[in-house]
Amino acid sequence: MTDDPLPAEHLSPLATLVDEVLAELGYEVAAAIDAIDDAVPGYGGLFDPATSPDELRRALENLQASGLTRPSIPKPASDAFVLYVDGSSRGNPGPAGAGAVIMDGAEKELARLGRPVGSRTGNNTAEYVALQLGLSELLARYEPRKLEVRIDSMTVIRDVWGGDDPTEPGVETYSEAVTAALSSIPEHHYTHLADSDPNPADALATVGADIAAFGPG
């Protein structure tokens, strides 16, 4: 895997700037929000209604010009990992986000990742992007031998692990990227999460959808 930003669906210029900052910080949501909040003048921040689009755009551009450093990478307990993923779309299609949480085999949290996916994007696409996001960062940071993916999307499960063809137009690129990433992990399987099962990636996908809803800027 590379440090190139992951592909995205259609986003406003402002949401695109946020996604670029996220990419430079390894899609670590907390680190990105803290950096953006610190860069916004006064008492505003990324989600503060008092922050104007122009203020946010200038803060994001200043951050990019200053050079950003990815957070340090925690050491895992072993080469076995757990990956929670989730996608969210308001309106389906609508503003959509993706979230992923990387844990080691002892279920110690190693990374909380999120990003906007698109401003007019369906939930299935967001689910694919969430899995791609988690796998991309997992492989960029570690050398996993064994992986359990915890996911609630049966559409993605049937495609990636069941061999079905993708059912939503436009997700083929994401599906192929996921398949390629998984092929480099010797042992991997999924656990299907029911709606009632806790999923720590859900809140991160919601943040991504919040960002995807940002106006032109």
N, C-alpha and C. Protein backbone atom coordinates (compact mmCIF):
# COMPACT_ATOMS: atom_id res chain seq x y z
N MET A 1 0.85 -1.19 0.00
CA MET A 1 0.00 0.00 0.00
C MET A 1 0.89 1.24 0.00
N THR A 2 0.30 2.40 -0.43
CA THR A 2 1.06 3.63 -0.50
C THR A 2 0.43 4.68 0.40
N ASP A 3 1.10 5.83 0.45
CA ASP A 3 0.57 6.94 1.22
C ASP A 3 -0.33 7.83 0.37
N ASP A 4 -0.64 7.43 -0.87
CA ASP A 4 -1.52 8.22 -1.71
C ASP A 4 -2.92 8.26 -1.09
N PRO A 5 -3.61 9.43 -1.17
CA PRO A 5 -4.97 9.49 -0.63
C PRO A 5 -5.87 8.47 -1.31
N LEU A 6 -6.80 7.91 -0.56
CA LEU A 6 -7.76 6.98 -1.13
C LEU A 6 -8.74 7.73 -2.03
N PRO A 7 -9.29 7.08 -3.05
CA PRO A 7 -10.23 7.76 -3.92
C PRO A 7 -11.51 8.13 -3.18
N ALA A 8 -12.21 9.14 -3.70
CA ALA A 8 -13.45 9.58 -3.09
C ALA A 8 -14.50 9.81 -4.15
N GLU A 9 -15.76 9.79 -3.76
CA GLU A 9 -16.84 10.19 -4.62
C GLU A 9 -16.88 11.72 -4.67
N HIS A 10 -17.95 12.28 -5.24
CA HIS A 10 -18.05 13.74 -5.35
C HIS A 10 -18.16 14.39 -3.97
N LEU A 11 -17.27 15.35 -3.71
CA LEU A 11 -17.29 16.13 -2.48
C LEU A 11 -17.18 17.61 -2.84
N SER A 12 -17.71 18.47 -1.98
CA SER A 12 -17.54 19.91 -2.17
C SER A 12 -16.07 20.26 -1.99
N PRO A 13 -15.64 21.43 -2.49
CA PRO A 13 -14.24 21.84 -2.28
C PRO A 13 -13.86 21.87 -0.80
N LEU A 14 -14.78 22.29 0.06
CA LEU A 14 -14.46 22.37 1.49
C LEU A 14 -14.30 20.97 2.09
N ALA A 15 -15.22 20.08 1.78
CA ALA A 15 -15.11 18.70 2.28
C ALA A 15 -13.87 18.02 1.72
N THR A 16 -13.51 18.34 0.48
CA THR A 16 -12.30 17.77 -0.11
C THR A 16 -11.06 18.21 0.64
N LEU A 17 -11.01 19.48 1.05
CA LEU A 17 -9.87 19.97 1.84
C LEU A 17 -9.77 19.22 3.17
N VAL A 18 -10.90 19.00 3.83
CA VAL A 18 -10.88 18.24 5.09
C VAL A 18 -10.36 16.83 4.84
N ASP A 19 -10.83 16.20 3.74
CA ASP A 19 -10.39 14.85 3.43
C ASP A 19 -8.89 14.81 3.16
N GLU A 20 -8.35 15.85 2.52
CA GLU A 20 -6.91 15.90 2.26
C GLU A 20 -6.12 16.00 3.56
N VAL A 21 -6.61 16.78 4.50
CA VAL A 21 -5.95 16.87 5.81
C VAL A 21 -6.02 15.53 6.53
N LEU A 22 -7.19 14.90 6.48
CA LEU A 22 -7.32 13.57 7.08
C LEU A 22 -6.32 12.60 6.48
N ALA A 23 -6.17 12.62 5.15
CA ALA A 23 -5.24 11.71 4.48
C ALA A 23 -3.82 11.93 4.97
N GLU A 24 -3.43 13.19 5.13
CA GLU A 24 -2.06 13.49 5.58
C GLU A 24 -1.83 13.01 7.01
N LEU A 25 -2.89 12.87 7.78
CA LEU A 25 -2.78 12.39 9.16
C LEU A 25 -3.19 10.94 9.29
N GLY A 26 -3.14 10.20 8.18
CA GLY A 26 -3.48 8.79 8.23
C GLY A 26 -4.93 8.52 8.55
N TYR A 27 -5.82 9.48 8.24
CA TYR A 27 -7.25 9.37 8.47
C TYR A 27 -7.59 9.20 9.96
N GLU A 28 -6.67 9.63 10.83
CA GLU A 28 -6.92 9.60 12.27
C GLU A 28 -7.85 10.76 12.61
N VAL A 29 -9.09 10.46 12.91
CA VAL A 29 -10.12 11.48 13.06
C VAL A 29 -9.80 12.45 14.20
N ALA A 30 -9.46 11.93 15.36
CA ALA A 30 -9.22 12.80 16.52
C ALA A 30 -8.06 13.75 16.26
N ALA A 31 -6.98 13.22 15.68
CA ALA A 31 -5.81 14.07 15.41
C ALA A 31 -6.15 15.16 14.41
N ALA A 32 -6.94 14.81 13.39
CA ALA A 32 -7.31 15.80 12.38
C ALA A 32 -8.21 16.87 12.95
N ILE A 33 -9.20 16.47 13.74
CA ILE A 33 -10.11 17.46 14.33
C ILE A 33 -9.36 18.38 15.27
N ASP A 34 -8.46 17.84 16.08
CA ASP A 34 -7.67 18.68 16.99
C ASP A 34 -6.83 19.68 16.21
N ALA A 35 -6.18 19.21 15.14
CA ALA A 35 -5.32 20.10 14.35
C ALA A 35 -6.14 21.20 13.68
N ILE A 36 -7.31 20.84 13.15
CA ILE A 36 -8.15 21.84 12.49
C ILE A 36 -8.69 22.83 13.50
N ASP A 37 -9.15 22.33 14.65
CA ASP A 37 -9.68 23.24 15.67
C ASP A 37 -8.62 24.23 16.14
N ASP A 38 -7.38 23.75 16.28
CA ASP A 38 -6.29 24.64 16.70
C ASP A 38 -5.97 25.70 15.64
N ALA A 39 -6.21 25.35 14.37
CA ALA A 39 -5.88 26.27 13.28
C ALA A 39 -6.97 27.30 13.01
N VAL A 40 -8.19 27.05 13.49
CA VAL A 40 -9.29 28.00 13.28
C VAL A 40 -9.14 29.15 14.27
N PRO A 41 -9.19 30.40 13.81
CA PRO A 41 -9.01 31.53 14.72
C PRO A 41 -10.17 31.65 15.72
N GLY A 42 -9.88 32.27 16.85
CA GLY A 42 -10.91 32.46 17.86
C GLY A 42 -11.28 31.18 18.55
N TYR A 43 -12.58 31.02 18.78
CA TYR A 43 -13.06 29.85 19.52
C TYR A 43 -13.83 28.88 18.64
N GLY A 44 -13.70 29.04 17.32
CA GLY A 44 -14.41 28.16 16.42
C GLY A 44 -13.68 26.83 16.24
N GLY A 45 -14.22 26.01 15.39
CA GLY A 45 -13.62 24.71 15.11
C GLY A 45 -14.32 24.06 13.94
N LEU A 46 -13.95 22.82 13.65
CA LEU A 46 -14.44 22.12 12.48
C LEU A 46 -15.97 22.05 12.45
N PHE A 47 -16.60 21.74 13.58
CA PHE A 47 -18.05 21.58 13.61
C PHE A 47 -18.74 22.70 14.38
N ASP A 48 -18.01 23.76 14.70
CA ASP A 48 -18.61 24.89 15.41
C ASP A 48 -19.44 25.72 14.42
N PRO A 49 -20.74 25.93 14.70
CA PRO A 49 -21.56 26.73 13.78
C PRO A 49 -21.02 28.14 13.57
N ALA A 50 -20.22 28.62 14.52
CA ALA A 50 -19.67 29.98 14.40
C ALA A 50 -18.53 30.05 13.39
N THR A 51 -17.99 28.91 12.98
CA THR A 51 -16.90 28.90 12.01
C THR A 51 -17.47 29.06 10.60
N SER A 52 -17.08 30.11 9.93
CA SER A 52 -17.57 30.33 8.56
C SER A 52 -16.81 29.43 7.59
N PRO A 53 -17.39 29.14 6.44
CA PRO A 53 -16.67 28.35 5.44
C PRO A 53 -15.33 28.97 5.05
N ASP A 54 -15.28 30.30 4.96
CA ASP A 54 -14.02 30.96 4.60
C ASP A 54 -12.97 30.76 5.68
N GLU A 55 -13.37 30.86 6.96
CA GLU A 55 -12.42 30.64 8.06
C GLU A 55 -11.90 29.21 8.03
N LEU A 56 -12.80 28.27 7.80
CA LEU A 56 -12.39 26.86 7.79
C LEU A 56 -11.47 26.58 6.60
N ARG A 57 -11.80 27.15 5.44
CA ARG A 57 -10.95 26.94 4.27
C ARG A 57 -9.55 27.48 4.51
N ARG A 58 -9.44 28.69 5.07
CA ARG A 58 -8.12 29.27 5.34
C ARG A 58 -7.35 28.43 6.35
N ALA A 59 -8.04 27.93 7.37
CA ALA A 59 -7.38 27.10 8.38
C ALA A 59 -6.85 25.82 7.75
N LEU A 60 -7.64 25.20 6.87
CA LEU A 60 -7.23 23.97 6.22
C LEU A 60 -6.04 24.20 5.30
N GLU A 61 -6.09 25.30 4.54
CA GLU A 61 -4.97 25.61 3.65
C GLU A 61 -3.70 25.90 4.43
N ASN A 62 -3.83 26.60 5.55
CA ASN A 62 -2.66 26.89 6.40
C ASN A 62 -2.07 25.60 6.97
N LEU A 63 -2.95 24.68 7.35
CA LEU A 63 -2.47 23.39 7.87
C LEU A 63 -1.68 22.64 6.80
N GLN A 64 -2.22 22.61 5.59
CA GLN A 64 -1.52 21.91 4.52
C GLN A 64 -0.17 22.55 4.21
N ALA A 65 -0.13 23.87 4.27
CA ALA A 65 1.13 24.57 3.98
C ALA A 65 2.16 24.35 5.08
N SER A 66 1.70 24.15 6.30
CA SER A 66 2.61 24.00 7.44
C SER A 66 3.27 22.64 7.49
N GLY A 67 2.68 21.66 6.83
CA GLY A 67 3.21 20.30 6.87
C GLY A 67 2.68 19.56 8.08
N LEU A 68 2.06 18.43 7.84
CA LEU A 68 1.45 17.66 8.92
C LEU A 68 2.20 16.35 9.12
N THR A 69 2.27 15.92 10.37
CA THR A 69 2.96 14.68 10.71
C THR A 69 1.95 13.67 11.22
N ARG A 70 1.99 12.47 10.68
CA ARG A 70 1.08 11.43 11.15
C ARG A 70 1.35 11.10 12.61
N PRO A 71 0.30 10.76 13.37
CA PRO A 71 0.50 10.33 14.75
C PRO A 71 1.39 9.08 14.81
N SER A 72 2.02 8.88 15.95
CA SER A 72 2.86 7.70 16.12
C SER A 72 2.00 6.44 16.04
N ILE A 73 2.63 5.35 15.61
CA ILE A 73 1.91 4.09 15.40
C ILE A 73 2.08 3.21 16.63
N PRO A 74 0.99 2.88 17.32
CA PRO A 74 1.11 2.00 18.50
C PRO A 74 1.59 0.61 18.11
N LYS A 75 2.29 -0.02 19.03
CA LYS A 75 2.79 -1.37 18.78
C LYS A 75 1.71 -2.39 19.11
N PRO A 76 1.42 -3.32 18.19
CA PRO A 76 0.41 -4.34 18.46
C PRO A 76 0.95 -5.47 19.34
N ALA A 77 0.03 -6.24 19.90
CA ALA A 77 0.43 -7.36 20.75
C ALA A 77 1.00 -8.52 19.93
N SER A 78 0.56 -8.63 18.65
CA SER A 78 1.01 -9.73 17.80
C SER A 78 0.74 -9.34 16.35
N ASP A 79 0.83 -10.31 15.45
CA ASP A 79 0.52 -10.03 14.05
C ASP A 79 -0.91 -10.44 13.70
N ALA A 80 -1.76 -10.55 14.72
CA ALA A 80 -3.18 -10.81 14.51
C ALA A 80 -3.96 -9.53 14.84
N PHE A 81 -5.00 -9.25 14.05
CA PHE A 81 -5.71 -7.98 14.19
C PHE A 81 -7.22 -8.18 14.05
N VAL A 82 -7.94 -7.20 14.60
CA VAL A 82 -9.40 -7.10 14.44
C VAL A 82 -9.68 -5.76 13.79
N LEU A 83 -10.56 -5.75 12.80
CA LEU A 83 -10.92 -4.52 12.10
C LEU A 83 -12.43 -4.36 12.11
N TYR A 84 -12.90 -3.30 12.76
CA TYR A 84 -14.31 -2.92 12.70
C TYR A 84 -14.47 -1.92 11.56
N VAL A 85 -15.52 -2.07 10.76
CA VAL A 85 -15.78 -1.10 9.69
C VAL A 85 -17.27 -0.78 9.63
N ASP A 86 -17.57 0.44 9.16
CA ASP A 86 -18.98 0.81 9.00
C ASP A 86 -19.07 1.99 8.04
N GLY A 87 -20.15 2.02 7.28
CA GLY A 87 -20.43 3.14 6.40
C GLY A 87 -21.76 3.77 6.77
N SER A 88 -21.91 5.06 6.45
CA SER A 88 -23.13 5.77 6.80
C SER A 88 -23.51 6.70 5.66
N SER A 89 -24.79 6.71 5.29
CA SER A 89 -25.28 7.61 4.26
C SER A 89 -26.61 8.19 4.71
N ARG A 90 -26.70 9.51 4.73
CA ARG A 90 -27.94 10.17 5.09
C ARG A 90 -28.76 10.41 3.83
N GLY A 91 -29.87 9.72 3.70
CA GLY A 91 -30.71 9.86 2.52
C GLY A 91 -30.56 8.72 1.56
N ASN A 92 -29.40 8.11 1.54
CA ASN A 92 -29.12 6.91 0.76
C ASN A 92 -29.72 6.98 -0.66
N PRO A 93 -29.20 7.81 -1.56
CA PRO A 93 -27.92 8.53 -1.44
C PRO A 93 -28.04 9.87 -0.73
N GLY A 94 -26.91 10.31 -0.23
CA GLY A 94 -26.79 11.58 0.47
C GLY A 94 -25.38 11.72 0.99
N PRO A 95 -25.14 12.66 1.91
CA PRO A 95 -23.81 12.78 2.50
C PRO A 95 -23.41 11.47 3.19
N ALA A 96 -22.26 10.94 2.82
CA ALA A 96 -21.86 9.61 3.31
C ALA A 96 -20.45 9.65 3.88
N GLY A 97 -20.24 8.81 4.89
CA GLY A 97 -18.92 8.72 5.51
C GLY A 97 -18.55 7.27 5.78
N ALA A 98 -17.27 7.06 6.01
CA ALA A 98 -16.74 5.72 6.29
C ALA A 98 -15.93 5.77 7.58
N GLY A 99 -16.03 4.70 8.37
CA GLY A 99 -15.26 4.61 9.60
C GLY A 99 -14.63 3.24 9.76
N ALA A 100 -13.50 3.20 10.45
CA ALA A 100 -12.81 1.93 10.71
C ALA A 100 -12.03 2.04 12.00
N VAL A 101 -12.02 0.98 12.77
CA VAL A 101 -11.25 0.91 14.00
C VAL A 101 -10.35 -0.31 13.92
N ILE A 102 -9.05 -0.08 14.05
CA ILE A 102 -8.07 -1.16 14.03
C ILE A 102 -7.72 -1.55 15.46
N MET A 103 -7.79 -2.83 15.76
CA MET A 103 -7.40 -3.35 17.08
C MET A 103 -6.41 -4.49 16.87
N ASP A 104 -5.60 -4.76 17.89
CA ASP A 104 -4.75 -5.94 17.81
C ASP A 104 -5.53 -7.16 18.27
N GLY A 105 -4.88 -8.31 18.27
CA GLY A 105 -5.56 -9.53 18.62
C GLY A 105 -6.08 -9.57 20.04
N ALA A 106 -5.47 -8.76 20.91
CA ALA A 106 -5.94 -8.66 22.29
C ALA A 106 -7.05 -7.62 22.43
N GLU A 107 -7.51 -7.06 21.30
CA GLU A 107 -8.55 -6.05 21.20
C GLU A 107 -8.16 -4.75 21.90
N LYS A 108 -6.86 -4.43 21.81
CA LYS A 108 -6.39 -3.11 22.20
C LYS A 108 -6.54 -2.19 20.99
N GLU A 109 -7.16 -1.05 21.21
CA GLU A 109 -7.41 -0.13 20.10
C GLU A 109 -6.11 0.51 19.62
N LEU A 110 -5.90 0.45 18.30
CA LEU A 110 -4.68 0.98 17.71
C LEU A 110 -4.92 2.22 16.85
N ALA A 111 -6.10 2.32 16.25
CA ALA A 111 -6.38 3.45 15.37
C ALA A 111 -7.88 3.63 15.21
N ARG A 112 -8.30 4.91 15.15
CA ARG A 112 -9.70 5.27 14.89
C ARG A 112 -9.71 6.14 13.63
N LEU A 113 -10.23 5.58 12.56
CA LEU A 113 -10.12 6.20 11.24
C LEU A 113 -11.49 6.62 10.72
N GLY A 114 -11.51 7.69 9.96
CA GLY A 114 -12.75 8.12 9.34
C GLY A 114 -12.49 9.07 8.21
N ARG A 115 -13.46 9.19 7.32
CA ARG A 115 -13.33 10.10 6.19
C ARG A 115 -14.70 10.33 5.55
N PRO A 116 -14.86 11.46 4.86
CA PRO A 116 -16.06 11.63 4.04
C PRO A 116 -15.93 10.79 2.78
N VAL A 117 -17.05 10.29 2.29
CA VAL A 117 -17.03 9.47 1.08
C VAL A 117 -17.57 10.25 -0.11
N GLY A 118 -18.73 10.86 0.05
CA GLY A 118 -19.32 11.62 -1.05
C GLY A 118 -20.54 12.37 -0.58
N SER A 119 -20.91 13.40 -1.32
CA SER A 119 -22.06 14.21 -0.93
C SER A 119 -23.38 13.64 -1.44
N ARG A 120 -23.32 12.75 -2.43
CA ARG A 120 -24.52 12.11 -2.98
C ARG A 120 -24.23 10.63 -3.19
N THR A 121 -23.97 9.95 -2.10
CA THR A 121 -23.45 8.58 -2.15
C THR A 121 -24.34 7.63 -1.37
N GLY A 122 -24.48 6.41 -1.88
CA GLY A 122 -25.29 5.40 -1.23
C GLY A 122 -24.57 4.69 -0.10
N ASN A 123 -25.35 4.02 0.73
CA ASN A 123 -24.79 3.35 1.90
C ASN A 123 -23.86 2.20 1.52
N ASN A 124 -24.20 1.45 0.48
CA ASN A 124 -23.34 0.32 0.09
C ASN A 124 -21.95 0.79 -0.31
N THR A 125 -21.88 1.90 -1.07
CA THR A 125 -20.58 2.44 -1.43
C THR A 125 -19.80 2.84 -0.19
N ALA A 126 -20.47 3.48 0.76
CA ALA A 126 -19.80 3.88 2.01
C ALA A 126 -19.26 2.67 2.76
N GLU A 127 -19.98 1.55 2.71
CA GLU A 127 -19.51 0.33 3.39
C GLU A 127 -18.24 -0.20 2.73
N TYR A 128 -18.21 -0.21 1.40
CA TYR A 128 -17.00 -0.63 0.70
C TYR A 128 -15.82 0.28 1.04
N VAL A 129 -16.06 1.59 1.04
CA VAL A 129 -14.99 2.53 1.33
C VAL A 129 -14.47 2.34 2.75
N ALA A 130 -15.36 2.05 3.69
CA ALA A 130 -14.94 1.82 5.07
C ALA A 130 -13.98 0.64 5.15
N LEU A 131 -14.31 -0.45 4.44
CA LEU A 131 -13.43 -1.62 4.45
C LEU A 131 -12.11 -1.30 3.77
N GLN A 132 -12.17 -0.59 2.65
CA GLN A 132 -10.95 -0.21 1.96
C GLN A 132 -10.08 0.69 2.84
N LEU A 133 -10.71 1.64 3.52
CA LEU A 133 -9.98 2.54 4.42
C LEU A 133 -9.26 1.76 5.50
N GLY A 134 -9.98 0.87 6.19
CA GLY A 134 -9.37 0.11 7.27
C GLY A 134 -8.23 -0.78 6.79
N LEU A 135 -8.45 -1.47 5.67
CA LEU A 135 -7.41 -2.36 5.15
C LEU A 135 -6.19 -1.57 4.68
N SER A 136 -6.41 -0.45 4.03
CA SER A 136 -5.30 0.35 3.52
C SER A 136 -4.39 0.81 4.66
N GLU A 137 -5.00 1.34 5.71
CA GLU A 137 -4.19 1.82 6.83
C GLU A 137 -3.59 0.67 7.64
N LEU A 138 -4.31 -0.43 7.77
CA LEU A 138 -3.75 -1.60 8.46
C LEU A 138 -2.47 -2.07 7.78
N LEU A 139 -2.52 -2.17 6.45
CA LEU A 139 -1.36 -2.67 5.70
C LEU A 139 -0.25 -1.63 5.62
N ALA A 140 -0.60 -0.36 5.68
CA ALA A 140 0.42 0.69 5.66
C ALA A 140 1.21 0.72 6.97
N ARG A 141 0.56 0.29 8.06
CA ARG A 141 1.18 0.41 9.38
C ARG A 141 1.78 -0.89 9.90
N TYR A 142 1.19 -2.02 9.53
CA TYR A 142 1.59 -3.29 10.13
C TYR A 142 1.76 -4.38 9.06
N GLU A 143 2.16 -5.55 9.50
CA GLU A 143 2.28 -6.71 8.63
C GLU A 143 1.38 -7.81 9.19
N PRO A 144 0.08 -7.69 8.95
CA PRO A 144 -0.86 -8.65 9.55
C PRO A 144 -0.74 -10.04 8.94
N ARG A 145 -0.77 -11.03 9.81
CA ARG A 145 -0.80 -12.42 9.37
C ARG A 145 -2.22 -12.96 9.44
N LYS A 146 -2.98 -12.47 10.42
CA LYS A 146 -4.34 -12.95 10.64
C LYS A 146 -5.24 -11.74 10.90
N LEU A 147 -6.43 -11.77 10.32
CA LEU A 147 -7.35 -10.64 10.46
C LEU A 147 -8.79 -11.12 10.57
N GLU A 148 -9.49 -10.56 11.54
CA GLU A 148 -10.95 -10.73 11.64
C GLU A 148 -11.58 -9.38 11.32
N VAL A 149 -12.41 -9.34 10.29
CA VAL A 149 -13.15 -8.13 9.93
C VAL A 149 -14.56 -8.22 10.51
N ARG A 150 -14.93 -7.25 11.31
CA ARG A 150 -16.27 -7.20 11.89
C ARG A 150 -17.07 -6.15 11.15
N ILE A 151 -18.14 -6.58 10.49
CA ILE A 151 -18.85 -5.76 9.52
C ILE A 151 -20.33 -6.12 9.52
N ASP A 152 -21.18 -5.13 9.28
CA ASP A 152 -22.63 -5.42 9.28
C ASP A 152 -23.23 -5.48 7.89
N SER A 153 -22.46 -5.17 6.86
CA SER A 153 -23.00 -5.12 5.51
C SER A 153 -22.95 -6.49 4.84
N MET A 154 -24.12 -7.12 4.69
CA MET A 154 -24.16 -8.40 3.99
C MET A 154 -23.86 -8.22 2.51
N THR A 155 -24.14 -7.05 1.95
CA THR A 155 -23.82 -6.80 0.54
C THR A 155 -22.32 -6.94 0.30
N VAL A 156 -21.53 -6.32 1.16
CA VAL A 156 -20.07 -6.39 1.03
C VAL A 156 -19.58 -7.80 1.33
N ILE A 157 -20.15 -8.42 2.34
CA ILE A 157 -19.74 -9.78 2.72
C ILE A 157 -19.96 -10.75 1.55
N ARG A 158 -21.14 -10.67 0.93
CA ARG A 158 -21.44 -11.59 -0.18
C ARG A 158 -20.48 -11.39 -1.35
N ASP A 159 -20.08 -10.16 -1.57
CA ASP A 159 -19.15 -9.87 -2.66
C ASP A 159 -17.74 -10.33 -2.31
N VAL A 160 -17.21 -9.82 -1.18
CA VAL A 160 -15.80 -10.02 -0.85
C VAL A 160 -15.50 -11.45 -0.44
N TRP A 161 -16.35 -12.03 0.40
CA TRP A 161 -16.07 -13.39 0.90
C TRP A 161 -16.94 -14.45 0.24
N GLY A 162 -18.06 -14.04 -0.35
CA GLY A 162 -18.97 -15.01 -0.96
C GLY A 162 -18.79 -15.20 -2.44
N GLY A 163 -18.05 -14.29 -3.08
CA GLY A 163 -17.80 -14.43 -4.50
C GLY A 163 -18.89 -13.89 -5.40
N ASP A 164 -19.90 -13.22 -4.82
CA ASP A 164 -20.94 -12.63 -5.66
C ASP A 164 -20.40 -11.40 -6.38
N ASP A 165 -20.99 -11.07 -7.51
CA ASP A 165 -20.64 -9.84 -8.19
C ASP A 165 -21.21 -8.65 -7.43
N PRO A 166 -20.51 -7.50 -7.45
CA PRO A 166 -21.05 -6.30 -6.79
C PRO A 166 -22.43 -5.96 -7.35
N THR A 167 -23.35 -5.58 -6.47
CA THR A 167 -24.72 -5.31 -6.90
C THR A 167 -24.98 -3.83 -7.12
N GLU A 168 -24.09 -2.96 -6.68
CA GLU A 168 -24.30 -1.51 -6.84
C GLU A 168 -23.33 -0.97 -7.88
N PRO A 169 -23.85 -0.28 -8.89
CA PRO A 169 -22.96 0.28 -9.91
C PRO A 169 -21.94 1.24 -9.30
N GLY A 170 -20.71 1.17 -9.80
CA GLY A 170 -19.69 2.11 -9.37
C GLY A 170 -18.81 1.65 -8.23
N VAL A 171 -19.09 0.48 -7.64
CA VAL A 171 -18.28 0.03 -6.50
C VAL A 171 -17.18 -0.95 -6.93
N GLU A 172 -17.09 -1.23 -8.22
CA GLU A 172 -16.13 -2.22 -8.67
C GLU A 172 -14.69 -1.86 -8.29
N THR A 173 -14.34 -0.59 -8.40
CA THR A 173 -12.99 -0.17 -8.04
C THR A 173 -12.70 -0.44 -6.58
N TYR A 174 -13.66 -0.13 -5.72
CA TYR A 174 -13.47 -0.38 -4.30
C TYR A 174 -13.39 -1.88 -4.02
N SER A 175 -14.26 -2.65 -4.67
CA SER A 175 -14.27 -4.09 -4.48
C SER A 175 -12.93 -4.71 -4.87
N GLU A 176 -12.40 -4.26 -6.01
CA GLU A 176 -11.11 -4.79 -6.47
C GLU A 176 -9.99 -4.41 -5.52
N ALA A 177 -10.02 -3.18 -4.98
CA ALA A 177 -8.98 -2.75 -4.04
C ALA A 177 -9.04 -3.56 -2.75
N VAL A 178 -10.24 -3.85 -2.28
CA VAL A 178 -10.42 -4.66 -1.07
C VAL A 178 -9.89 -6.07 -1.29
N THR A 179 -10.24 -6.66 -2.43
CA THR A 179 -9.80 -8.02 -2.74
C THR A 179 -8.28 -8.09 -2.81
N ALA A 180 -7.67 -7.09 -3.43
CA ALA A 180 -6.21 -7.06 -3.53
C ALA A 180 -5.56 -6.93 -2.16
N ALA A 181 -6.14 -6.10 -1.31
CA ALA A 181 -5.59 -5.91 0.03
C ALA A 181 -5.69 -7.20 0.85
N LEU A 182 -6.84 -7.84 0.79
CA LEU A 182 -7.02 -9.07 1.57
C LEU A 182 -6.11 -10.20 1.08
N SER A 183 -5.77 -10.18 -0.21
CA SER A 183 -4.92 -11.24 -0.76
C SER A 183 -3.52 -11.23 -0.15
N SER A 184 -3.13 -10.10 0.45
CA SER A 184 -1.80 -10.02 1.06
C SER A 184 -1.81 -10.42 2.53
N ILE A 185 -2.97 -10.78 3.05
CA ILE A 185 -3.09 -11.22 4.44
C ILE A 185 -3.32 -12.73 4.44
N PRO A 186 -2.40 -13.53 4.99
CA PRO A 186 -2.50 -14.99 4.87
C PRO A 186 -3.81 -15.58 5.38
N GLU A 187 -4.29 -15.10 6.53
CA GLU A 187 -5.54 -15.62 7.10
C GLU A 187 -6.48 -14.46 7.37
N HIS A 188 -7.68 -14.53 6.82
CA HIS A 188 -8.67 -13.50 7.11
C HIS A 188 -10.08 -14.09 7.03
N HIS A 189 -10.95 -13.58 7.86
CA HIS A 189 -12.34 -14.00 7.83
C HIS A 189 -13.19 -12.83 8.35
N TYR A 190 -14.48 -12.95 8.19
CA TYR A 190 -15.37 -11.89 8.67
C TYR A 190 -16.26 -12.40 9.79
N THR A 191 -16.75 -11.49 10.59
CA THR A 191 -17.82 -11.73 11.55
C THR A 191 -18.93 -10.75 11.24
N HIS A 192 -20.12 -11.28 10.98
CA HIS A 192 -21.23 -10.39 10.66
C HIS A 192 -21.81 -9.81 11.94
N LEU A 193 -21.89 -8.49 11.99
CA LEU A 193 -22.46 -7.80 13.14
C LEU A 193 -23.94 -7.57 12.93
N ALA A 194 -24.75 -7.95 13.90
CA ALA A 194 -26.17 -7.62 13.86
C ALA A 194 -26.35 -6.14 14.20
N ASP A 195 -27.53 -5.62 13.88
CA ASP A 195 -27.79 -4.21 14.16
C ASP A 195 -27.63 -3.87 15.63
N SER A 196 -27.88 -4.85 16.49
CA SER A 196 -27.80 -4.61 17.93
C SER A 196 -26.38 -4.74 18.48
N ASP A 197 -25.45 -5.24 17.67
CA ASP A 197 -24.07 -5.41 18.14
C ASP A 197 -23.34 -4.07 18.14
N PRO A 198 -22.54 -3.81 19.18
CA PRO A 198 -21.79 -2.56 19.19
C PRO A 198 -20.75 -2.53 18.07
N ASN A 199 -20.61 -1.37 17.46
CA ASN A 199 -19.62 -1.19 16.40
C ASN A 199 -18.95 0.17 16.60
N PRO A 200 -17.72 0.20 17.10
CA PRO A 200 -17.06 1.48 17.36
C PRO A 200 -16.78 2.30 16.11
N ALA A 201 -16.88 1.68 14.92
CA ALA A 201 -16.66 2.42 13.68
C ALA A 201 -17.86 3.26 13.29
N ASP A 202 -19.01 2.98 13.90
CA ASP A 202 -20.24 3.68 13.52
C ASP A 202 -20.12 5.19 13.73
N ALA A 203 -19.62 5.60 14.89
CA ALA A 203 -19.52 7.03 15.18
C ALA A 203 -18.54 7.73 14.24
N LEU A 204 -17.50 7.02 13.81
CA LEU A 204 -16.52 7.59 12.89
C LEU A 204 -17.12 7.77 11.50
N ALA A 205 -17.96 6.83 11.08
CA ALA A 205 -18.65 6.98 9.81
C ALA A 205 -19.61 8.17 9.85
N THR A 206 -20.23 8.39 11.00
CA THR A 206 -21.13 9.53 11.16
C THR A 206 -20.37 10.84 11.03
N VAL A 207 -19.18 10.91 11.62
CA VAL A 207 -18.34 12.10 11.48
C VAL A 207 -17.99 12.32 10.02
N GLY A 208 -17.65 11.24 9.32
CA GLY A 208 -17.35 11.36 7.90
C GLY A 208 -18.53 11.90 7.11
N ALA A 209 -19.75 11.45 7.44
CA ALA A 209 -20.95 11.96 6.77
C ALA A 209 -21.17 13.43 7.09
N ASP A 210 -20.88 13.82 8.34
CA ASP A 210 -20.98 15.24 8.71
C ASP A 210 -20.07 16.09 7.84
N ILE A 211 -18.85 15.61 7.60
CA ILE A 211 -17.89 16.35 6.76
C ILE A 211 -18.37 16.37 5.31
N ALA A 212 -18.90 15.26 4.83
CA ALA A 212 -19.38 15.19 3.45
C ALA A 212 -20.51 16.17 3.19
N ALA A 213 -21.21 16.56 4.24
CA ALA A 213 -22.34 17.49 4.10
C ALA A 213 -21.90 18.95 4.04
N PHE A 214 -20.60 19.23 4.24
CA PHE A 214 -20.13 20.61 4.19
C PHE A 214 -20.41 21.23 2.81
N GLY A 215 -20.73 22.52 2.83
CA GLY A 215 -21.04 23.24 1.61
C GLY A 215 -19.80 23.53 0.77
N PRO A 216 -19.98 24.33 -0.28
CA PRO A 216 -18.90 24.55 -1.23
C PRO A 216 -17.60 25.07 -0.62
N GLY A 217 -17.65 26.11 0.22
CA GLY A 217 -16.44 26.61 0.87
C GLY A 217 -15.46 27.25 -0.07
